[in-house]
Amino acid sequence: MNTPVHYGTVTEAINALREKGFNLDFNLQENCLVCNDSTYDVDEFDIVDIYRYEGNSDPADEAAVYAIESHSGEKGILVTGYGLSTDDISGDILKKLSDHNH
């Protein structure tokens, strides 16, 4: 049985994921994830793992680190604020990110 790993900080999680080959930096856009010049629709990537962090004294310090792999094999990281702003993100992307949290 694999024991879940939780890293102490966002930086530790990112560094550990980089060592596992998650070297790209994904960003959210309205209806997709983007990395460099590529875009990935909600059905073109999977969330491999997620690490959540809550700020001890400041809610602005809350973050989520997602390990993401595209169906074409690209592996990278998405870092978001813990309470994702829904203003610029499609419902499908939010659902995929939220569903993996449970």
C-alpha atoms as a PDB file:
ATOM      1  CA  MET A   1       0.000   0.000   0.000  1.00  0.00           C
ATOM      2  CA  ASN A   2       1.316   3.450  -0.925  1.00  0.00           C
ATOM      3  CA  THR A   3       1.322   5.942   1.912  1.00  0.00           C
ATOM      4  CA  PRO A   4       0.243   9.422   0.794  1.00  0.00           C
ATOM      5  CA  VAL A   5       3.012  11.996   1.012  1.00  0.00           C
ATOM      6  CA  HIS A   6       2.348  15.519   2.166  1.00  0.00           C
ATOM      7  CA  TYR A   7       5.114  18.061   1.841  1.00  0.00           C
ATOM      8  CA  GLY A   8       5.500  20.773   4.463  1.00  0.00           C
ATOM      9  CA  THR A   9       5.420  23.709   2.057  1.00  0.00           C
ATOM     10  CA  VAL A  10       4.359  24.591  -1.472  1.00  0.00           C
ATOM     11  CA  THR A  11       8.030  24.908  -2.426  1.00  0.00           C
ATOM     12  CA  GLU A  12       8.824  21.408  -1.124  1.00  0.00           C
ATOM     13  CA  ALA A  13       5.898  19.957  -3.108  1.00  0.00           C
ATOM     14  CA  ILE A  14       6.993  21.719  -6.303  1.00  0.00           C
ATOM     15  CA  ASN A  15      10.613  20.592  -5.882  1.00  0.00           C
ATOM     16  CA  ALA A  16       9.571  16.968  -5.250  1.00  0.00           C
ATOM     17  CA  LEU A  17       7.269  16.990  -8.290  1.00  0.00           C
ATOM     18  CA  ARG A  18      10.059  18.439 -10.447  1.00  0.00           C
ATOM     19  CA  GLU A  19      12.263  15.511  -9.356  1.00  0.00           C
ATOM     20  CA  LYS A  20       9.468  13.176 -10.546  1.00  0.00           C
ATOM     21  CA  GLY A  21       9.480  14.763 -14.009  1.00  0.00           C
ATOM     22  CA  PHE A  22       6.684  17.333 -13.620  1.00  0.00           C
ATOM     23  CA  ASN A  23       8.765  20.072 -15.229  1.00  0.00           C
ATOM     24  CA  LEU A  24       6.248  22.189 -17.127  1.00  0.00           C
ATOM     25  CA  ASP A  25       4.359  25.121 -15.634  1.00  0.00           C
ATOM     26  CA  PHE A  26       0.649  25.037 -16.403  1.00  0.00           C
ATOM     27  CA  ASN A  27      -1.589  28.088 -16.066  1.00  0.00           C
ATOM     28  CA  LEU A  28      -5.353  28.463 -16.041  1.00  0.00           C
ATOM     29  CA  GLN A  29      -7.220  30.251 -18.774  1.00  0.00           C
ATOM     30  CA  GLU A  30     -10.943  30.604 -19.265  1.00  0.00           C
ATOM     31  CA  ASN A  31     -11.678  27.223 -20.839  1.00  0.00           C
ATOM     32  CA  CYS A  32      -8.370  25.362 -20.653  1.00  0.00           C
ATOM     33  CA  LEU A  33      -4.901  24.949 -19.208  1.00  0.00           C
ATOM     34  CA  VAL A  34      -1.995  26.525 -21.069  1.00  0.00           C
ATOM     35  CA  CYS A  35       1.718  25.811 -21.114  1.00  0.00           C
ATOM     36  CA  ASN A  36       4.137  27.578 -23.411  1.00  0.00           C
ATOM     37  CA  ASP A  37       2.277  27.702 -26.740  1.00  0.00           C
ATOM     38  CA  SER A  38       0.044  24.679 -26.057  1.00  0.00           C
ATOM     39  CA  THR A  39      -3.495  24.588 -24.723  1.00  0.00           C
ATOM     40  CA  TYR A  40      -5.207  21.645 -23.041  1.00  0.00           C
ATOM     41  CA  ASP A  41      -8.970  21.302 -22.832  1.00  0.00           C
ATOM     42  CA  VAL A  42     -10.519  19.672 -19.780  1.00  0.00           C
ATOM     43  CA  ASP A  43     -10.630  16.268 -21.482  1.00  0.00           C
ATOM     44  CA  GLU A  44      -6.952  16.403 -22.560  1.00  0.00           C
ATOM     45  CA  PHE A  45      -5.284  16.172 -19.132  1.00  0.00           C
ATOM     46  CA  ASP A  46      -5.468  14.270 -15.870  1.00  0.00           C
ATOM     47  CA  ILE A  47      -4.741  15.376 -12.327  1.00  0.00           C
ATOM     48  CA  VAL A  48      -2.202  12.919 -10.966  1.00  0.00           C
ATOM     49  CA  ASP A  49      -1.998  14.358  -7.454  1.00  0.00           C
ATOM     50  CA  ILE A  50      -2.860  17.422  -5.410  1.00  0.00           C
ATOM     51  CA  TYR A  51      -1.358  19.046  -2.331  1.00  0.00           C
ATOM     52  CA  ARG A  52      -3.352  21.629  -0.385  1.00  0.00           C
ATOM     53  CA  TYR A  53      -1.907  24.241   1.948  1.00  0.00           C
ATOM     54  CA  GLU A  54      -3.688  26.500   4.393  1.00  0.00           C
ATOM     55  CA  GLY A  55      -2.106  29.698   5.639  1.00  0.00           C
ATOM     56  CA  ASN A  56      -1.513  29.615   9.391  1.00  0.00           C
ATOM     57  CA  SER A  57      -2.427  33.231   9.926  1.00  0.00           C
ATOM     58  CA  ASP A  58      -3.342  34.645   6.524  1.00  0.00           C
ATOM     59  CA  PRO A  59      -6.009  33.140   4.247  1.00  0.00           C
ATOM     60  CA  ALA A  60      -4.148  34.681   1.289  1.00  0.00           C
ATOM     61  CA  ASP A  61      -1.414  32.091   1.912  1.00  0.00           C
ATOM     62  CA  GLU A  62      -3.745  29.215   0.999  1.00  0.00           C
ATOM     63  CA  ALA A  63      -2.740  27.311  -2.155  1.00  0.00           C
ATOM     64  CA  ALA A  64      -3.190  24.079  -4.056  1.00  0.00           C
ATOM     65  CA  VAL A  65      -0.410  22.385  -6.039  1.00  0.00           C
ATOM     66  CA  TYR A  66      -1.634  20.085  -8.829  1.00  0.00           C
ATOM     67  CA  ALA A  67       0.524  17.463 -10.545  1.00  0.00           C
ATOM     68  CA  ILE A  68      -0.881  17.315 -14.087  1.00  0.00           C
ATOM     69  CA  GLU A  69      -0.234  15.022 -17.029  1.00  0.00           C
ATOM     70  CA  SER A  70      -1.597  15.647 -20.499  1.00  0.00           C
ATOM     71  CA  HIS A  71      -2.876  12.727 -22.551  1.00  0.00           C
ATOM     72  CA  SER A  72       0.051  13.333 -24.909  1.00  0.00           C
ATOM     73  CA  GLY A  73       2.516  12.763 -22.034  1.00  0.00           C
ATOM     74  CA  GLU A  74       3.537  16.262 -20.942  1.00  0.00           C
ATOM     75  CA  LYS A  75       3.895  16.502 -17.166  1.00  0.00           C
ATOM     76  CA  GLY A  76       3.743  19.709 -15.190  1.00  0.00           C
ATOM     77  CA  ILE A  77       2.503  21.653 -12.217  1.00  0.00           C
ATOM     78  CA  LEU A  78      -0.392  24.031 -11.669  1.00  0.00           C
ATOM     79  CA  VAL A  79      -0.364  26.196  -8.535  1.00  0.00           C
ATOM     80  CA  THR A  80      -3.583  27.995  -7.657  1.00  0.00           C
ATOM     81  CA  GLY A  81      -4.971  29.977  -4.795  1.00  0.00           C
ATOM     82  CA  TYR A  82      -6.954  27.660  -2.560  1.00  0.00           C
ATOM     83  CA  GLY A  83     -10.254  29.370  -3.249  1.00  0.00           C
ATOM     84  CA  LEU A  84     -10.132  29.458  -7.045  1.00  0.00           C
ATOM     85  CA  SER A  85     -11.573  32.628  -8.520  1.00  0.00           C
ATOM     86  CA  THR A  86     -14.430  31.586 -10.745  1.00  0.00           C
ATOM     87  CA  ASP A  87     -14.462  34.818 -12.720  1.00  0.00           C
ATOM     88  CA  ASP A  88     -12.025  33.684 -15.405  1.00  0.00           C
ATOM     89  CA  ILE A  89     -12.339  29.893 -15.263  1.00  0.00           C
ATOM     90  CA  SER A  90     -14.868  27.674 -17.019  1.00  0.00           C
ATOM     91  CA  GLY A  91     -17.195  25.443 -15.034  1.00  0.00           C
ATOM     92  CA  ASP A  92     -15.685  22.317 -16.600  1.00  0.00           C
ATOM     93  CA  ILE A  93     -12.162  23.173 -15.461  1.00  0.00           C
ATOM     94  CA  LEU A  94     -13.392  24.069 -11.961  1.00  0.00           C
ATOM     95  CA  LYS A  95     -15.320  20.807 -11.737  1.00  0.00           C
ATOM     96  CA  LYS A  96     -12.296  18.735 -12.755  1.00  0.00           C
ATOM     97  CA  LEU A  97     -10.049  20.495 -10.226  1.00  0.00           C
ATOM     98  CA  SER A  98     -12.676  20.310  -7.470  1.00  0.00           C
ATOM     99  CA  ASP A  99     -13.677  16.698  -8.107  1.00  0.00           C
ATOM    100  CA  HIS A 100     -10.112  15.551  -7.590  1.00  0.00           C
ATOM    101  CA  ASN A 101     -10.064  17.123  -4.115  1.00  0.00           C
ATOM    102  CA  HIS A 102     -12.507  14.550  -2.732  1.00  0.00           C
END
